[in-house]
């Protein structure tokens, strides 16, 4: 096992930016879907929330791994 956390592989910034945007758009879609479900009396929980958190994590991880600025801090 390596002593250091792996570094991100080289990749074009526009590709990384597109992947971040995709993950953020997926998270926004799920957030809106969850809000609609709540408005109709449904409880959003379990894997459904895990999926949302996964997209948020992916965007944040890529942004941090490639030292890209966060345009909308939470």
N, C-alpha and C. Protein backbone atom coordinates (compact mmCIF):
# COMPACT_ATOMS: atom_id res chain seq x y z
N UNK A 1 0.85 -1.19 0.00
CA UNK A 1 0.00 0.00 0.00
C UNK A 1 0.88 1.24 0.00
N UNK A 2 0.47 2.24 -0.80
CA UNK A 2 1.22 3.50 -0.85
C UNK A 2 1.04 4.27 0.45
N UNK A 3 2.02 5.10 0.75
CA UNK A 3 1.95 5.93 1.95
C UNK A 3 1.14 7.21 1.73
N UNK A 4 0.91 7.56 0.48
CA UNK A 4 0.21 8.80 0.16
C UNK A 4 -1.08 8.52 -0.60
N UNK A 5 -2.02 9.41 -0.42
CA UNK A 5 -3.29 9.32 -1.15
C UNK A 5 -2.98 9.51 -2.64
N UNK A 6 -3.61 8.77 -3.52
CA UNK A 6 -3.33 8.89 -4.95
C UNK A 6 -3.63 10.29 -5.48
N UNK A 7 -2.87 10.71 -6.47
CA UNK A 7 -3.14 11.99 -7.12
C UNK A 7 -4.02 11.74 -8.34
N UNK A 8 -4.76 12.75 -8.70
CA UNK A 8 -5.66 12.65 -9.85
C UNK A 8 -4.84 12.53 -11.13
N UNK A 9 -5.28 11.72 -12.06
CA UNK A 9 -4.56 11.60 -13.33
C UNK A 9 -4.71 12.87 -14.15
N UNK A 10 -3.76 13.15 -15.03
CA UNK A 10 -3.90 14.33 -15.87
C UNK A 10 -5.13 14.19 -16.77
N UNK A 11 -5.84 15.29 -16.91
CA UNK A 11 -7.04 15.30 -17.76
C UNK A 11 -7.30 16.74 -18.17
N UNK A 12 -7.85 16.94 -19.36
CA UNK A 12 -8.17 18.30 -19.80
C UNK A 12 -9.18 18.96 -18.85
N UNK A 13 -8.93 20.22 -18.52
CA UNK A 13 -9.81 20.94 -17.59
C UNK A 13 -11.25 21.00 -18.09
N UNK A 14 -11.45 21.11 -19.42
CA UNK A 14 -12.82 21.19 -19.92
C UNK A 14 -13.57 19.87 -19.72
N UNK A 15 -12.85 18.76 -19.78
CA UNK A 15 -13.48 17.46 -19.54
C UNK A 15 -13.88 17.34 -18.07
N UNK A 16 -12.97 17.70 -17.19
CA UNK A 16 -13.28 17.66 -15.75
C UNK A 16 -14.44 18.60 -15.44
N UNK A 17 -14.41 19.79 -16.02
CA UNK A 17 -15.50 20.74 -15.81
C UNK A 17 -16.83 20.18 -16.27
N UNK A 18 -16.83 19.49 -17.41
CA UNK A 18 -18.06 18.88 -17.91
C UNK A 18 -18.57 17.78 -16.98
N UNK A 19 -17.67 16.99 -16.44
CA UNK A 19 -18.07 15.94 -15.50
C UNK A 19 -18.64 16.54 -14.22
N UNK A 20 -18.03 17.61 -13.74
CA UNK A 20 -18.54 18.29 -12.55
C UNK A 20 -19.94 18.85 -12.82
N UNK A 21 -20.09 19.50 -13.96
CA UNK A 21 -21.40 20.05 -14.33
C UNK A 21 -22.45 18.95 -14.42
N UNK A 22 -22.07 17.83 -15.01
CA UNK A 22 -23.00 16.70 -15.12
C UNK A 22 -23.44 16.22 -13.73
N UNK A 23 -22.49 16.03 -12.83
CA UNK A 23 -22.81 15.57 -11.48
C UNK A 23 -23.70 16.59 -10.76
N UNK A 24 -23.41 17.88 -10.92
CA UNK A 24 -24.22 18.91 -10.29
C UNK A 24 -25.64 18.95 -10.87
N UNK A 25 -25.76 18.76 -12.17
CA UNK A 25 -27.09 18.74 -12.80
C UNK A 25 -27.89 17.53 -12.33
N UNK A 26 -27.23 16.39 -12.18
CA UNK A 26 -27.91 15.20 -11.66
C UNK A 26 -28.39 15.44 -10.24
N UNK A 27 -27.56 16.07 -9.42
CA UNK A 27 -27.95 16.37 -8.04
C UNK A 27 -29.14 17.33 -8.02
N UNK A 28 -29.10 18.35 -8.85
CA UNK A 28 -30.21 19.32 -8.90
C UNK A 28 -31.50 18.64 -9.35
N UNK A 29 -31.41 17.73 -10.31
CA UNK A 29 -32.58 16.99 -10.78
C UNK A 29 -33.18 16.17 -9.63
N UNK A 30 -32.30 15.45 -8.92
CA UNK A 30 -32.79 14.62 -7.81
C UNK A 30 -33.38 15.48 -6.70
N UNK A 31 -32.76 16.63 -6.42
CA UNK A 31 -33.31 17.53 -5.40
C UNK A 31 -34.72 17.96 -5.76
N UNK A 32 -34.92 18.33 -7.03
CA UNK A 32 -36.26 18.75 -7.47
C UNK A 32 -37.24 17.59 -7.40
N UNK A 33 -36.79 16.41 -7.77
CA UNK A 33 -37.64 15.22 -7.71
C UNK A 33 -38.02 14.91 -6.26
N UNK A 34 -37.07 15.05 -5.35
CA UNK A 34 -37.35 14.81 -3.93
C UNK A 34 -38.35 15.83 -3.40
N UNK A 35 -38.20 17.07 -3.82
CA UNK A 35 -39.13 18.11 -3.36
C UNK A 35 -40.56 17.80 -3.85
N UNK A 36 -40.68 17.36 -5.08
CA UNK A 36 -42.00 16.99 -5.60
C UNK A 36 -42.58 15.82 -4.80
N UNK A 37 -41.75 14.85 -4.49
CA UNK A 37 -42.20 13.70 -3.71
C UNK A 37 -42.70 14.15 -2.33
N UNK A 38 -41.93 15.05 -1.70
CA UNK A 38 -42.34 15.56 -0.38
C UNK A 38 -43.67 16.31 -0.46
N UNK A 39 -43.82 17.11 -1.52
CA UNK A 39 -45.06 17.86 -1.69
C UNK A 39 -46.27 16.94 -1.83
N UNK A 40 -46.04 15.73 -2.29
CA UNK A 40 -47.11 14.76 -2.44
C UNK A 40 -47.19 13.79 -1.25
N UNK A 41 -46.50 14.14 -0.17
CA UNK A 41 -46.61 13.37 1.05
C UNK A 41 -45.69 12.17 1.18
N UNK A 42 -44.76 12.03 0.28
CA UNK A 42 -43.83 10.90 0.35
C UNK A 42 -42.60 11.26 1.18
N UNK A 43 -42.04 10.25 1.80
CA UNK A 43 -40.81 10.42 2.57
C UNK A 43 -39.65 9.97 1.69
N UNK A 44 -38.65 10.82 1.56
CA UNK A 44 -37.47 10.49 0.78
C UNK A 44 -36.40 10.02 1.76
N UNK A 45 -35.91 8.80 1.55
CA UNK A 45 -34.94 8.25 2.49
C UNK A 45 -34.10 7.17 1.83
N UNK A 46 -33.20 6.59 2.59
CA UNK A 46 -32.42 5.44 2.15
C UNK A 46 -31.57 5.69 0.92
N UNK A 47 -31.62 4.75 -0.01
CA UNK A 47 -30.78 4.80 -1.21
C UNK A 47 -31.05 6.04 -2.05
N UNK A 48 -32.28 6.51 -2.02
CA UNK A 48 -32.61 7.71 -2.79
C UNK A 48 -31.80 8.90 -2.32
N UNK A 49 -31.68 9.07 -1.01
CA UNK A 49 -30.84 10.14 -0.47
C UNK A 49 -29.37 9.85 -0.72
N UNK A 50 -28.99 8.59 -0.66
CA UNK A 50 -27.61 8.19 -0.95
C UNK A 50 -27.19 8.56 -2.36
N UNK A 51 -28.10 8.39 -3.32
CA UNK A 51 -27.80 8.77 -4.70
C UNK A 51 -27.53 10.26 -4.81
N UNK A 52 -28.36 11.07 -4.17
CA UNK A 52 -28.18 12.51 -4.20
C UNK A 52 -26.83 12.89 -3.60
N UNK A 53 -26.53 12.33 -2.44
CA UNK A 53 -25.25 12.62 -1.80
C UNK A 53 -24.07 12.15 -2.65
N UNK A 54 -24.25 11.05 -3.37
CA UNK A 54 -23.20 10.55 -4.25
C UNK A 54 -22.86 11.53 -5.36
N UNK A 55 -23.89 12.11 -5.97
CA UNK A 55 -23.64 13.11 -7.03
C UNK A 55 -22.97 14.36 -6.45
N UNK A 56 -23.42 14.79 -5.29
CA UNK A 56 -22.79 15.96 -4.65
C UNK A 56 -21.33 15.67 -4.32
N UNK A 57 -21.09 14.48 -3.77
CA UNK A 57 -19.72 14.10 -3.42
C UNK A 57 -18.83 14.05 -4.67
N UNK A 58 -19.35 13.46 -5.75
CA UNK A 58 -18.57 13.33 -6.97
C UNK A 58 -18.15 14.70 -7.50
N UNK A 59 -19.07 15.64 -7.55
CA UNK A 59 -18.75 16.98 -8.01
C UNK A 59 -17.69 17.62 -7.11
N UNK A 60 -17.87 17.52 -5.80
CA UNK A 60 -16.94 18.12 -4.86
C UNK A 60 -15.56 17.45 -4.94
N UNK A 61 -15.55 16.13 -5.04
CA UNK A 61 -14.29 15.38 -5.10
C UNK A 61 -13.50 15.75 -6.36
N UNK A 62 -14.18 15.80 -7.50
CA UNK A 62 -13.49 16.18 -8.74
C UNK A 62 -12.97 17.62 -8.64
N UNK A 63 -13.80 18.52 -8.13
CA UNK A 63 -13.39 19.91 -8.00
C UNK A 63 -12.15 20.03 -7.11
N UNK A 64 -12.15 19.33 -5.99
CA UNK A 64 -11.00 19.40 -5.07
C UNK A 64 -9.79 18.68 -5.64
N UNK A 65 -9.99 17.56 -6.30
CA UNK A 65 -8.88 16.79 -6.86
C UNK A 65 -8.13 17.56 -7.94
N UNK A 66 -8.87 18.37 -8.69
CA UNK A 66 -8.25 19.13 -9.78
C UNK A 66 -8.11 20.61 -9.43
N UNK A 67 -8.29 20.94 -8.16
CA UNK A 67 -8.10 22.30 -7.65
C UNK A 67 -8.89 23.33 -8.47
N UNK A 68 -10.15 23.01 -8.74
CA UNK A 68 -11.03 23.94 -9.46
C UNK A 68 -11.88 24.69 -8.45
N UNK A 69 -12.18 25.95 -8.72
CA UNK A 69 -12.96 26.77 -7.77
C UNK A 69 -14.40 26.27 -7.68
N UNK A 70 -14.99 26.45 -6.53
CA UNK A 70 -16.39 26.11 -6.31
C UNK A 70 -17.22 27.36 -6.59
N UNK A 71 -18.00 27.37 -7.66
CA UNK A 71 -18.76 28.57 -8.01
C UNK A 71 -19.92 28.85 -7.06
N UNK A 72 -20.40 27.82 -6.35
CA UNK A 72 -21.55 28.01 -5.46
C UNK A 72 -21.34 27.26 -4.16
N UNK A 73 -20.57 27.86 -3.24
CA UNK A 73 -20.33 27.16 -1.96
C UNK A 73 -21.63 26.92 -1.20
N UNK A 74 -21.70 25.77 -0.55
CA UNK A 74 -22.90 25.43 0.23
C UNK A 74 -22.70 25.82 1.66
